[in-house]
C-alpha atoms as a PDB file:
ATOM      1  CA  MET A   1       0.109   0.322  -0.276  1.00  0.00           C
ATOM      2  CA  HIS A   2       1.185   3.488   0.042  1.00  0.00           C
ATOM      3  CA  ARG A   3       1.037   6.224   2.372  1.00  0.00           C
ATOM      4  CA  LEU A   4      -2.839   6.833   2.799  1.00  0.00           C
ATOM      5  CA  GLY A   5      -3.068   3.462   2.982  1.00  0.00           C
ATOM      6  CA  HIS A   6      -0.969   2.814   5.622  1.00  0.00           C
ATOM      7  CA  TYR A   7      -2.274   5.298   7.699  1.00  0.00           C
ATOM      8  CA  GLY A   8      -5.411   4.227   7.497  1.00  0.00           C
ATOM      9  CA  ALA A   9      -4.110   0.560   8.548  1.00  0.00           C
ATOM     10  CA  SER A  10      -2.521   2.072  11.592  1.00  0.00           C
ATOM     11  CA  LEU A  11      -5.789   3.793  12.399  1.00  0.00           C
ATOM     12  CA  ALA A  12      -7.824   0.923  12.038  1.00  0.00           C
ATOM     13  CA  VAL A  13      -5.428  -1.650  14.166  1.00  0.00           C
ATOM     14  CA  TYR A  14      -5.112   0.966  17.142  1.00  0.00           C
ATOM     15  CA  SER A  15      -8.692   1.822  17.660  1.00  0.00           C
ATOM     16  CA  PRO A  16      -9.341  -0.732  20.052  1.00  0.00           C
ATOM     17  CA  VAL A  17      -6.039   0.516  22.198  1.00  0.00           C
ATOM     18  CA  GLY A  18      -7.281   4.215  21.748  1.00  0.00           C
ATOM     19  CA  PHE A  19     -11.046   3.185  22.698  1.00  0.00           C
ATOM     20  CA  VAL A  20      -9.580   0.981  25.990  1.00  0.00           C
ATOM     21  CA  LEU A  21      -7.346   4.267  26.940  1.00  0.00           C
ATOM     22  CA  THR A  22     -10.371   6.646  26.259  1.00  0.00           C
ATOM     23  CA  VAL A  23     -12.472   4.406  28.440  1.00  0.00           C
ATOM     24  CA  PHE A  24      -9.971   4.662  31.520  1.00  0.00           C
ATOM     25  CA  GLY A  25      -9.835   8.361  31.278  1.00  0.00           C
ATOM     26  CA  ALA A  26      -6.182   8.470  29.444  1.00  0.00           C
ATOM     27  CA  SER A  27      -7.572  10.138  26.424  1.00  0.00           C
ATOM     28  CA  ASP A  28      -4.716  12.224  25.945  1.00  0.00           C
ATOM     29  CA  LEU A  29      -2.154   9.088  26.137  1.00  0.00           C
ATOM     30  CA  ALA A  30      -4.245   7.649  23.477  1.00  0.00           C
ATOM     31  CA  ILE A  31      -3.951  10.679  20.877  1.00  0.00           C
ATOM     32  CA  VAL A  32      -0.499  10.669  21.456  1.00  0.00           C
ATOM     33  CA  GLY A  33      -0.405   6.995  20.914  1.00  0.00           C
ATOM     34  CA  GLY A  34      -2.342   7.221  17.923  1.00  0.00           C
ATOM     35  CA  ALA A  35      -0.289   9.907  16.482  1.00  0.00           C
ATOM     36  CA  VAL A  36       3.105   8.101  16.920  1.00  0.00           C
ATOM     37  CA  VAL A  37       1.582   4.923  15.065  1.00  0.00           C
ATOM     38  CA  VAL A  38       0.455   6.918  12.411  1.00  0.00           C
ATOM     39  CA  GLY A  39       3.328   9.134  12.201  1.00  0.00           C
ATOM     40  CA  GLY A  40       5.955   5.877  12.073  1.00  0.00           C
ATOM     41  CA  SER A  41       3.601   4.018   9.611  1.00  0.00           C
ATOM     42  CA  MET A  42       5.969   4.343   6.969  1.00  0.00           C
ATOM     43  CA  LEU A  43       8.943   3.173   8.774  1.00  0.00           C
ATOM     44  CA  PRO A  44       8.943   0.118   7.088  1.00  0.00           C
ATOM     45  CA  ASP A  45       9.539   1.561   3.816  1.00  0.00           C
ATOM     46  CA  LEU A  46      12.625   3.611   4.578  1.00  0.00           C
ATOM     47  CA  ASP A  47      14.249  -0.052   3.066  1.00  0.00           C
ATOM     48  CA  GLN A  48      13.600   1.961  -0.428  1.00  0.00           C
ATOM     49  CA  ARG A  49      16.141   4.082   0.654  1.00  0.00           C
ATOM     50  CA  VAL A  50      18.762   2.172   1.999  1.00  0.00           C
ATOM     51  CA  PRO A  51      21.301   0.449  -0.552  1.00  0.00           C
ATOM     52  CA  PHE A  52      21.653  -2.794  -0.176  1.00  0.00           C
ATOM     53  CA  ILE A  53      18.210  -3.725   1.874  1.00  0.00           C
ATOM     54  CA  PRO A  54      15.453  -5.366  -0.566  1.00  0.00           C
ATOM     55  CA  HIS A  55      12.039  -3.903  -0.359  1.00  0.00           C
ATOM     56  CA  ARG A  56       9.651  -5.544   1.743  1.00  0.00           C
ATOM     57  CA  GLY A  57      12.999  -7.415   3.085  1.00  0.00           C
ATOM     58  CA  PRO A  58      13.892  -7.371   6.884  1.00  0.00           C
ATOM     59  CA  THR A  59      12.088  -4.138   7.413  1.00  0.00           C
ATOM     60  CA  HIS A  60       8.736  -6.109   7.040  1.00  0.00           C
ATOM     61  CA  THR A  61       9.412  -8.922   9.357  1.00  0.00           C
ATOM     62  CA  ILE A  62       7.722  -9.816  12.860  1.00  0.00           C
ATOM     63  CA  TRP A  63      11.592  -9.755  13.755  1.00  0.00           C
ATOM     64  CA  PHE A  64      11.832  -5.781  12.567  1.00  0.00           C
ATOM     65  CA  MET A  65       8.538  -5.392  14.511  1.00  0.00           C
ATOM     66  CA  LEU A  66       9.978  -7.056  17.807  1.00  0.00           C
ATOM     67  CA  LEU A  67      13.111  -4.670  17.633  1.00  0.00           C
ATOM     68  CA  ILE A  68      10.758  -1.877  17.093  1.00  0.00           C
ATOM     69  CA  ALA A  69       8.305  -2.759  19.881  1.00  0.00           C
ATOM     70  CA  SER A  70      11.156  -3.124  22.271  1.00  0.00           C
ATOM     71  CA  ALA A  71      12.811   0.122  21.612  1.00  0.00           C
ATOM     72  CA  PHE A  72       9.689   1.492  22.341  1.00  0.00           C
ATOM     73  CA  ALA A  73       9.246  -0.277  25.399  1.00  0.00           C
ATOM     74  CA  VAL A  74      12.787   0.808  26.881  1.00  0.00           C
ATOM     75  CA  THR A  75      11.841   4.311  25.880  1.00  0.00           C
ATOM     76  CA  GLY A  76       8.561   4.140  27.758  1.00  0.00           C
ATOM     77  CA  LEU A  77      10.693   2.663  30.599  1.00  0.00           C
ATOM     78  CA  ILE A  78      13.161   5.429  30.837  1.00  0.00           C
ATOM     79  CA  VAL A  79      10.444   7.976  30.508  1.00  0.00           C
ATOM     80  CA  GLY A  80       8.198   6.422  33.152  1.00  0.00           C
ATOM     81  CA  VAL A  81      10.302   5.357  35.458  1.00  0.00           C
ATOM     82  CA  SER A  82      12.400   9.254  35.263  1.00  0.00           C
ATOM     83  CA  SER A  83       9.148  10.694  35.748  1.00  0.00           C
ATOM     84  CA  THR A  84       7.318   9.175  38.247  1.00  0.00           C
ATOM     85  CA  GLY A  85       8.725   5.751  39.260  1.00  0.00           C
ATOM     86  CA  LEU A  86       8.914   2.073  38.727  1.00  0.00           C
ATOM     87  CA  ILE A  87       5.263   1.315  38.201  1.00  0.00           C
ATOM     88  CA  ALA A  88       4.661   4.458  35.550  1.00  0.00           C
ATOM     89  CA  GLY A  89       7.837   2.772  34.085  1.00  0.00           C
ATOM     90  CA  ALA A  90       6.200  -0.321  33.634  1.00  0.00           C
ATOM     91  CA  LEU A  91       2.885   1.262  32.462  1.00  0.00           C
ATOM     92  CA  LEU A  92       4.656   3.145  29.890  1.00  0.00           C
ATOM     93  CA  ALA A  93       6.818   0.290  29.180  1.00  0.00           C
ATOM     94  CA  SER A  94       3.552  -1.761  27.964  1.00  0.00           C
ATOM     95  CA  PHE A  95       2.201   1.118  26.061  1.00  0.00           C
ATOM     96  CA  GLY A  96       5.339   1.735  24.135  1.00  0.00           C
ATOM     97  CA  ALA A  97       5.716  -1.692  23.296  1.00  0.00           C
ATOM     98  CA  VAL A  98       2.047  -2.164  21.908  1.00  0.00           C
ATOM     99  CA  VAL A  99       2.374   1.098  20.014  1.00  0.00           C
ATOM    100  CA  GLY A 100       5.614   0.084  18.460  1.00  0.00           C
ATOM    101  CA  ALA A 101       4.252  -3.104  17.396  1.00  0.00           C
ATOM    102  CA  ILE A 102       0.955  -1.722  16.013  1.00  0.00           C
ATOM    103  CA  MET A 103       2.908   0.796  14.113  1.00  0.00           C
ATOM    104  CA  ILE A 104       4.661  -2.082  11.985  1.00  0.00           C
ATOM    105  CA  GLY A 105       2.389  -4.793  12.496  1.00  0.00           C
ATOM    106  CA  ALA A 106      -0.389  -2.641  10.662  1.00  0.00           C
ATOM    107  CA  HIS A 107       2.257  -1.854   7.718  1.00  0.00           C
ATOM    108  CA  LEU A 108       2.714  -5.527   7.543  1.00  0.00           C
ATOM    109  CA  LEU A 109      -0.922  -6.180   7.409  1.00  0.00           C
ATOM    110  CA  ALA A 110      -1.562  -3.450   4.984  1.00  0.00           C
ATOM    111  CA  ASP A 111       1.109  -4.921   2.437  1.00  0.00           C
ATOM    112  CA  ALA A 112      -0.283  -8.180   3.075  1.00  0.00           C
ATOM    113  CA  LEU A 113      -3.190  -7.219   1.212  1.00  0.00           C
ATOM    114  CA  THR A 114      -1.279  -6.957  -2.247  1.00  0.00           C
ATOM    115  CA  PRO A 115      -0.087  -9.311  -4.348  1.00  0.00           C
ATOM    116  CA  MET A 116       3.333  -9.009  -3.559  1.00  0.00           C
ATOM    117  CA  GLY A 117       2.588  -9.741  -0.118  1.00  0.00           C
ATOM    118  CA  ILE A 118       5.264 -10.268   2.546  1.00  0.00           C
ATOM    119  CA  GLN A 119       7.567 -12.630   4.103  1.00  0.00           C
ATOM    120  CA  PRO A 120       7.340 -12.060   8.006  1.00  0.00           C
ATOM    121  CA  PHE A 121       9.499 -15.239   9.438  1.00  0.00           C
ATOM    122  CA  LYS A 122      12.369 -14.438   6.863  1.00  0.00           C
ATOM    123  CA  PRO A 123      14.836 -15.861   6.862  1.00  0.00           C
ATOM    124  CA  LEU A 124      13.662 -18.834   9.544  1.00  0.00           C
ATOM    125  CA  ARG A 125      10.759 -19.605   6.588  1.00  0.00           C
ATOM    126  CA  ASN A 126      10.211 -18.393   2.927  1.00  0.00           C
ATOM    127  CA  ASP A 127       6.572 -18.605   3.098  1.00  0.00           C
ATOM    128  CA  LYS A 128       4.679 -15.587   1.645  1.00  0.00           C
ATOM    129  CA  TYR A 129       1.608 -13.983   2.968  1.00  0.00           C
ATOM    130  CA  THR A 130      -1.045 -12.306   0.411  1.00  0.00           C
ATOM    131  CA  LEU A 131      -4.725 -11.864   0.239  1.00  0.00           C
ATOM    132  CA  GLU A 132      -4.195 -10.454  -3.177  1.00  0.00           C
ATOM    133  CA  MET A 133      -7.186  -8.169  -2.562  1.00  0.00           C
ATOM    134  CA  THR A 134      -5.387  -5.050  -4.286  1.00  0.00           C
ATOM    135  CA  ARG A 135      -2.370  -3.500  -5.833  1.00  0.00           C
ATOM    136  CA  ALA A 136      -0.498  -1.202  -3.798  1.00  0.00           C
ATOM    137  CA  ALA A 137      -0.964   1.563  -6.293  1.00  0.00           C
ATOM    138  CA  ASN A 138      -4.457   1.203  -6.049  1.00  0.00           C
ATOM    139  CA  PRO A 139      -5.781   5.177  -5.153  1.00  0.00           C
ATOM    140  CA  ILE A 140      -9.092   3.945  -4.516  1.00  0.00           C
ATOM    141  CA  ALA A 141      -8.197   1.051  -2.147  1.00  0.00           C
ATOM    142  CA  ASN A 142      -5.325   3.432  -0.336  1.00  0.00           C
ATOM    143  CA  TYR A 143      -8.225   6.143   0.421  1.00  0.00           C
ATOM    144  CA  VAL A 144     -10.802   3.347   1.627  1.00  0.00           C
ATOM    145  CA  LEU A 145      -8.348   2.255   3.802  1.00  0.00           C
ATOM    146  CA  LEU A 146      -7.542   6.152   5.264  1.00  0.00           C
ATOM    147  CA  VAL A 147     -11.347   6.497   5.393  1.00  0.00           C
ATOM    148  CA  ALA A 148     -11.957   3.500   7.290  1.00  0.00           C
ATOM    149  CA  GLY A 149      -9.035   3.685   9.676  1.00  0.00           C
ATOM    150  CA  SER A 150     -10.240   6.850  10.610  1.00  0.00           C
ATOM    151  CA  VAL A 151     -14.053   6.321  11.069  1.00  0.00           C
ATOM    152  CA  LEU A 152     -12.832   3.421  13.189  1.00  0.00           C
ATOM    153  CA  ALA A 153     -10.348   5.741  15.241  1.00  0.00           C
ATOM    154  CA  GLY A 154     -13.095   8.298  15.262  1.00  0.00           C
ATOM    155  CA  VAL A 155     -15.974   6.054  16.603  1.00  0.00           C
ATOM    156  CA  ALA A 156     -13.511   4.401  18.885  1.00  0.00           C
ATOM    157  CA  PHE A 157     -12.442   7.799  20.813  1.00  0.00           C
ATOM    158  CA  ILE A 158     -16.386   9.086  21.001  1.00  0.00           C
ATOM    159  CA  ALA A 159     -17.491   5.453  22.405  1.00  0.00           C
ATOM    160  CA  GLY A 160     -14.659   5.561  24.412  1.00  0.00           C
ATOM    161  CA  SER A 161     -15.734   9.013  25.755  1.00  0.00           C
ATOM    162  CA  ALA A 162     -19.296   8.274  26.044  1.00  0.00           C
ATOM    163  CA  LEU A 163     -18.635   5.258  28.473  1.00  0.00           C
ATOM    164  CA  THR A 164     -15.953   7.528  30.583  1.00  0.00           C
ATOM    165  CA  ALA A 165     -18.811  10.242  31.044  1.00  0.00           C
END
């Protein structure tokens, strides 16, 4: 998929997390997490700018997803412990891991919609996963993903806010 499709996929996958955070009164954190997920949604496609790394290669694997989730977890731990304490650090580490995993995982899911698909377990397994629903360059599919993700995120936030009040 292209940029707009990845934004939409990220919003769609993040929506349940945003909903739960909003229900528990952490709507600011929900919005920050959503912004980070959308803002980093194109990270796996940096492989197109780095020589010697094939597109949909190492940056399109669960190993990369785990690396990013771990980096976000460590960041959350450091920020939480330094500002409030160990419990806040553990909570922010968990939140960081979820945000990092969704950021990359949503990208992988969107790319799995295309005929090119992904090989998420490479180099351990060469299995290719694809739903062959649409080509990555299909503007209608990209806009549909963007609108669907935006609607899901909006509904999650509004419904979460309604349940909090």
